Amino acid sequence: MIATQQRDTAGRLAPTDPTRALATARAIEDPWFACQALAWVARFAPEDQFNQIIKESLSVCRTEVDPYRVVAPAAWPIRAIVERKHPELLPSIIPDLLRRTKDIENMGSRSEAIYMLFQAVFPAGRRNWFPVSQ
């Protein structure tokens, strides 16, 4: 199964079978899609597992060398944090991602990565999205 299919499978399983969804997400070799799948699993995970899965999602994307491939998929766990109402996690995550955007050489890709972060964090309120907009 290719990485996109694995991600989609994890997403379908997450609401009803979080254990299988987590195993599926962890089996994804491509960090981009593994990050996204883990973030999707975190959206539906029991509260006591949420932080661990979000940290894992962010750690996976940080294994990438290309800064675009670190920042862009991180929008998924950021949005999961917002949707699960854990904005207290954002100040420890957003600044690092914004620092990494400076290393994205292609300006179109840099702009896209920042916009993805902005869209993900926007519902968390001005305090959280404003640093992304600067």
N, C-alpha and C. Protein backbone atom coordinates (compact mmCIF):
# COMPACT_ATOMS: atom_id res chain seq x y z
N MET A 1 0.85 -1.18 0.00
CA MET A 1 0.00 0.00 0.00
C MET A 1 0.90 1.24 0.00
N ILE A 2 0.55 2.22 -0.80
CA ILE A 2 1.35 3.44 -0.85
C ILE A 2 1.00 4.36 0.32
N ALA A 3 1.88 5.31 0.59
CA ALA A 3 1.75 6.16 1.77
C ALA A 3 0.43 6.93 1.83
N THR A 4 -0.05 7.41 0.70
CA THR A 4 -1.32 8.14 0.73
C THR A 4 -2.47 7.22 1.10
N GLN A 5 -2.43 5.99 0.62
CA GLN A 5 -3.47 5.03 0.98
C GLN A 5 -3.40 4.67 2.45
N GLN A 6 -2.18 4.52 2.97
CA GLN A 6 -2.03 4.23 4.39
C GLN A 6 -2.58 5.39 5.24
N ARG A 7 -2.25 6.61 4.82
CA ARG A 7 -2.76 7.78 5.55
C ARG A 7 -4.29 7.80 5.54
N ASP A 8 -4.86 7.57 4.37
CA ASP A 8 -6.32 7.57 4.24
C ASP A 8 -6.96 6.46 5.07
N THR A 9 -6.32 5.31 5.09
CA THR A 9 -6.82 4.19 5.90
C THR A 9 -6.80 4.55 7.38
N ALA A 10 -5.71 5.13 7.84
CA ALA A 10 -5.61 5.55 9.24
C ALA A 10 -6.72 6.56 9.56
N GLY A 11 -6.97 7.48 8.64
CA GLY A 11 -8.02 8.47 8.83
C GLY A 11 -9.41 7.85 8.92
N ARG A 12 -9.66 6.86 8.10
CA ARG A 12 -10.96 6.18 8.15
C ARG A 12 -11.14 5.37 9.43
N LEU A 13 -10.06 4.77 9.89
CA LEU A 13 -10.11 3.95 11.10
C LEU A 13 -10.17 4.77 12.39
N ALA A 14 -9.60 5.95 12.37
CA ALA A 14 -9.43 6.75 13.59
C ALA A 14 -10.71 6.93 14.42
N PRO A 15 -11.85 7.26 13.83
CA PRO A 15 -13.04 7.47 14.66
C PRO A 15 -13.58 6.22 15.34
N THR A 16 -13.34 5.04 14.74
CA THR A 16 -13.95 3.83 15.29
C THR A 16 -12.96 2.82 15.85
N ASP A 17 -11.72 2.87 15.39
CA ASP A 17 -10.72 1.91 15.84
C ASP A 17 -9.36 2.61 15.99
N PRO A 18 -9.23 3.45 17.03
CA PRO A 18 -8.01 4.24 17.17
C PRO A 18 -6.74 3.40 17.33
N THR A 19 -6.85 2.20 17.87
CA THR A 19 -5.67 1.35 18.03
C THR A 19 -5.14 0.91 16.68
N ARG A 20 -6.02 0.43 15.81
CA ARG A 20 -5.60 0.04 14.45
C ARG A 20 -5.15 1.26 13.64
N ALA A 21 -5.85 2.38 13.84
CA ALA A 21 -5.47 3.60 13.12
C ALA A 21 -4.05 4.02 13.49
N LEU A 22 -3.73 3.94 14.78
CA LEU A 22 -2.40 4.32 15.24
C LEU A 22 -1.34 3.37 14.67
N ALA A 23 -1.62 2.10 14.67
CA ALA A 23 -0.68 1.13 14.10
C ALA A 23 -0.48 1.39 12.60
N THR A 24 -1.54 1.69 11.91
CA THR A 24 -1.45 2.00 10.48
C THR A 24 -0.62 3.24 10.25
N ALA A 25 -0.87 4.28 11.03
CA ALA A 25 -0.11 5.54 10.89
C ALA A 25 1.37 5.33 11.18
N ARG A 26 1.67 4.55 12.19
CA ARG A 26 3.07 4.30 12.55
C ARG A 26 3.80 3.45 11.51
N ALA A 27 3.08 2.75 10.68
CA ALA A 27 3.70 1.91 9.65
C ALA A 27 4.06 2.70 8.38
N ILE A 28 3.65 3.94 8.32
CA ILE A 28 3.92 4.77 7.13
C ILE A 28 5.37 5.22 7.15
N GLU A 29 6.08 4.92 6.08
CA GLU A 29 7.51 5.25 6.02
C GLU A 29 7.78 6.70 5.60
N ASP A 30 6.92 7.28 4.81
CA ASP A 30 7.11 8.67 4.36
C ASP A 30 6.72 9.62 5.48
N PRO A 31 7.67 10.43 5.99
CA PRO A 31 7.37 11.30 7.13
C PRO A 31 6.21 12.27 6.89
N TRP A 32 6.05 12.78 5.67
CA TRP A 32 4.97 13.72 5.37
C TRP A 32 3.62 13.08 5.68
N PHE A 33 3.39 11.89 5.13
CA PHE A 33 2.10 11.23 5.28
C PHE A 33 1.95 10.59 6.66
N ALA A 34 3.05 10.18 7.26
CA ALA A 34 2.99 9.67 8.63
C ALA A 34 2.58 10.77 9.60
N CYS A 35 3.13 11.96 9.42
CA CYS A 35 2.76 13.12 10.25
C CYS A 35 1.27 13.40 10.12
N GLN A 36 0.78 13.44 8.90
CA GLN A 36 -0.63 13.71 8.67
C GLN A 36 -1.51 12.63 9.29
N ALA A 37 -1.14 11.37 9.10
CA ALA A 37 -1.94 10.27 9.63
C ALA A 37 -1.97 10.29 11.15
N LEU A 38 -0.83 10.51 11.77
CA LEU A 38 -0.77 10.57 13.23
C LEU A 38 -1.61 11.73 13.75
N ALA A 39 -1.59 12.85 13.06
CA ALA A 39 -2.42 13.99 13.48
C ALA A 39 -3.89 13.64 13.39
N TRP A 40 -4.27 12.92 12.35
CA TRP A 40 -5.66 12.51 12.20
C TRP A 40 -6.06 11.56 13.32
N VAL A 41 -5.19 10.63 13.66
CA VAL A 41 -5.44 9.70 14.76
C VAL A 41 -5.59 10.48 16.07
N ALA A 42 -4.75 11.48 16.27
CA ALA A 42 -4.80 12.28 17.50
C ALA A 42 -6.16 12.97 17.65
N ARG A 43 -6.76 13.38 16.56
CA ARG A 43 -8.07 14.04 16.63
C ARG A 43 -9.11 13.17 17.33
N PHE A 44 -8.98 11.87 17.20
CA PHE A 44 -9.98 10.95 17.73
C PHE A 44 -9.46 10.12 18.91
N ALA A 45 -8.22 10.31 19.26
CA ALA A 45 -7.61 9.52 20.33
C ALA A 45 -8.22 9.86 21.69
N PRO A 46 -8.18 8.91 22.61
CA PRO A 46 -8.59 9.23 23.97
C PRO A 46 -7.73 10.38 24.52
N GLU A 47 -8.32 11.17 25.37
CA GLU A 47 -7.64 12.38 25.88
C GLU A 47 -6.27 12.06 26.47
N ASP A 48 -6.15 10.95 27.17
CA ASP A 48 -4.87 10.63 27.82
C ASP A 48 -3.77 10.23 26.83
N GLN A 49 -4.11 10.02 25.56
CA GLN A 49 -3.13 9.68 24.53
C GLN A 49 -2.85 10.83 23.57
N PHE A 50 -3.66 11.87 23.65
CA PHE A 50 -3.58 12.96 22.67
C PHE A 50 -2.19 13.59 22.60
N ASN A 51 -1.66 14.05 23.72
CA ASN A 51 -0.36 14.75 23.70
C ASN A 51 0.75 13.88 23.13
N GLN A 52 0.78 12.62 23.51
CA GLN A 52 1.81 11.70 23.03
C GLN A 52 1.74 11.55 21.51
N ILE A 53 0.54 11.39 20.98
CA ILE A 53 0.39 11.18 19.54
C ILE A 53 0.72 12.46 18.77
N ILE A 54 0.33 13.61 19.31
CA ILE A 54 0.68 14.88 18.66
C ILE A 54 2.20 15.07 18.64
N LYS A 55 2.85 14.79 19.75
CA LYS A 55 4.31 14.90 19.79
C LYS A 55 4.95 13.97 18.78
N GLU A 56 4.42 12.78 18.66
CA GLU A 56 4.94 11.82 17.69
C GLU A 56 4.74 12.33 16.27
N SER A 57 3.58 12.89 16.00
CA SER A 57 3.30 13.44 14.67
C SER A 57 4.31 14.53 14.31
N LEU A 58 4.55 15.44 15.23
CA LEU A 58 5.50 16.52 14.98
C LEU A 58 6.93 15.99 14.88
N SER A 59 7.27 15.00 15.68
CA SER A 59 8.62 14.42 15.62
C SER A 59 8.88 13.76 14.28
N VAL A 60 7.87 13.10 13.75
CA VAL A 60 8.03 12.41 12.47
C VAL A 60 8.33 13.40 11.36
N CYS A 61 7.59 14.50 11.30
CA CYS A 61 7.85 15.45 10.21
C CYS A 61 9.20 16.14 10.39
N ARG A 62 9.68 16.24 11.61
CA ARG A 62 10.99 16.86 11.84
C ARG A 62 12.15 15.97 11.42
N THR A 63 11.87 14.74 11.04
CA THR A 63 12.94 13.87 10.53
C THR A 63 13.31 14.23 9.09
N GLU A 64 12.49 15.02 8.46
CA GLU A 64 12.78 15.45 7.08
C GLU A 64 13.96 16.43 7.06
N VAL A 65 14.71 16.41 5.99
CA VAL A 65 15.82 17.34 5.80
C VAL A 65 15.29 18.63 5.16
N ASP A 66 14.39 18.50 4.22
CA ASP A 66 13.81 19.64 3.51
C ASP A 66 12.89 20.41 4.45
N PRO A 67 13.19 21.68 4.73
CA PRO A 67 12.37 22.43 5.69
C PRO A 67 10.91 22.59 5.26
N TYR A 68 10.65 22.61 3.97
CA TYR A 68 9.26 22.66 3.51
C TYR A 68 8.51 21.41 3.95
N ARG A 69 9.17 20.27 3.84
CA ARG A 69 8.56 19.00 4.21
C ARG A 69 8.48 18.81 5.73
N VAL A 70 9.07 19.72 6.47
CA VAL A 70 8.89 19.74 7.92
C VAL A 70 7.68 20.62 8.27
N VAL A 71 7.65 21.81 7.71
CA VAL A 71 6.66 22.82 8.10
C VAL A 71 5.27 22.53 7.52
N ALA A 72 5.19 22.25 6.24
CA ALA A 72 3.87 22.10 5.60
C ALA A 72 3.02 21.00 6.24
N PRO A 73 3.53 19.79 6.42
CA PRO A 73 2.66 18.77 7.03
C PRO A 73 2.38 19.03 8.51
N ALA A 74 3.19 19.86 9.15
CA ALA A 74 2.95 20.20 10.57
C ALA A 74 1.63 20.95 10.74
N ALA A 75 1.09 21.47 9.67
CA ALA A 75 -0.22 22.12 9.76
C ALA A 75 -1.29 21.14 10.26
N TRP A 76 -1.14 19.87 9.95
CA TRP A 76 -2.12 18.86 10.38
C TRP A 76 -2.14 18.70 11.90
N PRO A 77 -1.00 18.46 12.55
CA PRO A 77 -1.07 18.38 14.01
C PRO A 77 -1.44 19.71 14.66
N ILE A 78 -1.06 20.82 14.05
CA ILE A 78 -1.47 22.13 14.59
C ILE A 78 -2.99 22.21 14.60
N ARG A 79 -3.61 21.83 13.51
CA ARG A 79 -5.07 21.89 13.44
C ARG A 79 -5.71 20.91 14.42
N ALA A 80 -5.12 19.74 14.60
CA ALA A 80 -5.65 18.79 15.58
C ALA A 80 -5.58 19.38 16.99
N ILE A 81 -4.50 20.08 17.28
CA ILE A 81 -4.36 20.75 18.59
C ILE A 81 -5.48 21.75 18.78
N VAL A 82 -5.73 22.53 17.75
CA VAL A 82 -6.79 23.54 17.81
C VAL A 82 -8.15 22.88 17.98
N GLU A 83 -8.43 21.87 17.18
CA GLU A 83 -9.74 21.22 17.23
C GLU A 83 -9.99 20.49 18.55
N ARG A 84 -8.93 19.97 19.14
CA ARG A 84 -9.07 19.28 20.42
C ARG A 84 -8.99 20.24 21.61
N LYS A 85 -8.89 21.52 21.30
CA LYS A 85 -8.90 22.59 22.31
C LYS A 85 -7.73 22.48 23.30
N HIS A 86 -6.52 22.42 22.72
CA HIS A 86 -5.29 22.43 23.51
C HIS A 86 -4.37 23.56 23.05
N PRO A 87 -4.88 24.79 23.00
CA PRO A 87 -4.05 25.89 22.50
C PRO A 87 -2.82 26.17 23.35
N GLU A 88 -2.80 25.68 24.56
CA GLU A 88 -1.64 25.88 25.43
C GLU A 88 -0.38 25.22 24.85
N LEU A 89 -0.54 24.28 23.93
CA LEU A 89 0.60 23.62 23.29
C LEU A 89 1.22 24.47 22.18
N LEU A 90 0.44 25.36 21.62
CA LEU A 90 0.89 26.10 20.42
C LEU A 90 2.12 26.98 20.64
N PRO A 91 2.23 27.72 21.75
CA PRO A 91 3.41 28.59 21.90
C PRO A 91 4.74 27.84 21.94
N SER A 92 4.72 26.57 22.24
CA SER A 92 5.97 25.81 22.25
C SER A 92 6.26 25.17 20.89
N ILE A 93 5.32 25.24 19.96
CA ILE A 93 5.48 24.60 18.66
C ILE A 93 5.63 25.60 17.53
N ILE A 94 4.78 26.60 17.49
CA ILE A 94 4.73 27.55 16.37
C ILE A 94 6.07 28.27 16.14
N PRO A 95 6.73 28.80 17.18
CA PRO A 95 7.99 29.52 16.92
C PRO A 95 9.05 28.68 16.21
N ASP A 96 9.18 27.41 16.57
CA ASP A 96 10.15 26.54 15.91
C ASP A 96 9.79 26.37 14.43
N LEU A 97 8.52 26.16 14.15
CA LEU A 97 8.11 25.99 12.76
C LEU A 97 8.36 27.27 11.95
N LEU A 98 8.09 28.42 12.56
CA LEU A 98 8.34 29.68 11.86
C LEU A 98 9.83 29.89 11.60
N ARG A 99 10.68 29.50 12.53
CA ARG A 99 12.14 29.59 12.30
C ARG A 99 12.53 28.73 11.10
N ARG A 100 11.94 27.58 11.01
CA ARG A 100 12.26 26.66 9.90
C ARG A 100 11.80 27.21 8.55
N THR A 101 10.77 28.03 8.53
CA THR A 101 10.30 28.57 7.24
C THR A 101 11.37 29.44 6.59
N LYS A 102 12.23 30.05 7.40
CA LYS A 102 13.29 30.90 6.84
C LYS A 102 14.28 30.11 6.01
N ASP A 103 14.33 28.80 6.21
CA ASP A 103 15.24 27.95 5.45
C ASP A 103 14.61 27.39 4.18
N ILE A 104 13.36 27.71 3.94
CA ILE A 104 12.70 27.26 2.70
C ILE A 104 13.09 28.25 1.61
N GLU A 105 13.95 27.82 0.71
CA GLU A 105 14.52 28.73 -0.28
C GLU A 105 13.51 29.20 -1.32
N ASN A 106 12.69 28.31 -1.82
CA ASN A 106 11.71 28.68 -2.82
C ASN A 106 10.63 29.53 -2.15
N MET A 107 10.49 30.77 -2.58
CA MET A 107 9.57 31.70 -1.93
C MET A 107 8.11 31.26 -2.07
N GLY A 108 7.77 30.62 -3.17
CA GLY A 108 6.41 30.10 -3.33
C GLY A 108 6.12 29.00 -2.31
N SER A 109 7.08 28.11 -2.13
CA SER A 109 6.93 27.04 -1.14
C SER A 109 6.91 27.60 0.28
N ARG A 110 7.75 28.59 0.53
CA ARG A 110 7.76 29.22 1.86
C ARG A 110 6.41 29.85 2.16
N SER A 111 5.89 30.57 1.19
CA SER A 111 4.59 31.21 1.35
C SER A 111 3.49 30.18 1.59
N GLU A 112 3.54 29.10 0.83
CA GLU A 112 2.53 28.05 0.97
C GLU A 112 2.60 27.42 2.37
N ALA A 113 3.80 27.13 2.85
CA ALA A 113 3.95 26.50 4.17
C ALA A 113 3.43 27.43 5.27
N ILE A 114 3.74 28.71 5.17
CA ILE A 114 3.27 29.68 6.17
C ILE A 114 1.75 29.79 6.11
N TYR A 115 1.21 29.82 4.90
CA TYR A 115 -0.25 29.91 4.76
C TYR A 115 -0.94 28.68 5.33
N MET A 116 -0.35 27.51 5.13
CA MET A 116 -0.93 26.29 5.69
C MET A 116 -0.94 26.36 7.23
N LEU A 117 0.15 26.84 7.80
CA LEU A 117 0.19 27.01 9.26
C LEU A 117 -0.87 28.02 9.72
N PHE A 118 -0.97 29.11 8.98
CA PHE A 118 -1.94 30.14 9.33
C PHE A 118 -3.36 29.58 9.33
N GLN A 119 -3.70 28.86 8.27
CA GLN A 119 -5.04 28.27 8.19
C GLN A 119 -5.29 27.29 9.33
N ALA A 120 -4.28 26.53 9.68
CA ALA A 120 -4.43 25.54 10.74
C ALA A 120 -4.64 26.18 12.11
N VAL A 121 -3.94 27.26 12.37
CA VAL A 121 -3.97 27.87 13.71
C VAL A 121 -5.05 28.95 13.84
N PHE A 122 -5.57 29.43 12.75
CA PHE A 122 -6.50 30.56 12.78
C PHE A 122 -7.65 30.41 13.77
N PRO A 123 -8.34 29.26 13.84
CA PRO A 123 -9.46 29.17 14.78
C PRO A 123 -9.05 29.28 16.25
N ALA A 124 -7.77 29.22 16.54
CA ALA A 124 -7.30 29.31 17.93
C ALA A 124 -7.22 30.75 18.43
N GLY A 125 -7.56 31.70 17.60
CA GLY A 125 -7.59 33.09 18.02
C GLY A 125 -6.34 33.87 17.66
N ARG A 126 -6.50 35.20 17.70
CA ARG A 126 -5.45 36.12 17.27
C ARG A 126 -4.13 35.88 17.98
N ARG A 127 -4.17 35.63 19.24
CA ARG A 127 -2.94 35.42 20.02
C ARG A 127 -2.08 34.31 19.39
N ASN A 128 -2.73 33.32 18.82
CA ASN A 128 -2.01 32.20 18.24
C ASN A 128 -1.70 32.36 16.76
N TRP A 129 -2.58 33.02 16.00
CA TRP A 129 -2.32 33.15 14.57
C TRP A 129 -1.48 34.37 14.22
N PHE A 130 -1.49 35.37 15.06
CA PHE A 130 -0.77 36.61 14.72
C PHE A 130 0.72 36.39 14.47
N PRO A 131 1.42 35.61 15.28
CA PRO A 131 2.84 35.38 14.99
C PRO A 131 3.08 34.76 13.62
N VAL A 132 2.15 33.97 13.15
CA VAL A 132 2.28 33.32 11.84
C VAL A 132 2.09 34.34 10.72
N SER A 133 1.30 35.36 10.97
CA SER A 133 0.97 36.34 9.93
C SER A 133 2.06 37.39 9.76
N GLN A 134 3.03 37.44 10.62
CA GLN A 134 4.06 38.50 10.54
C GLN A 134 5.16 38.15 9.58
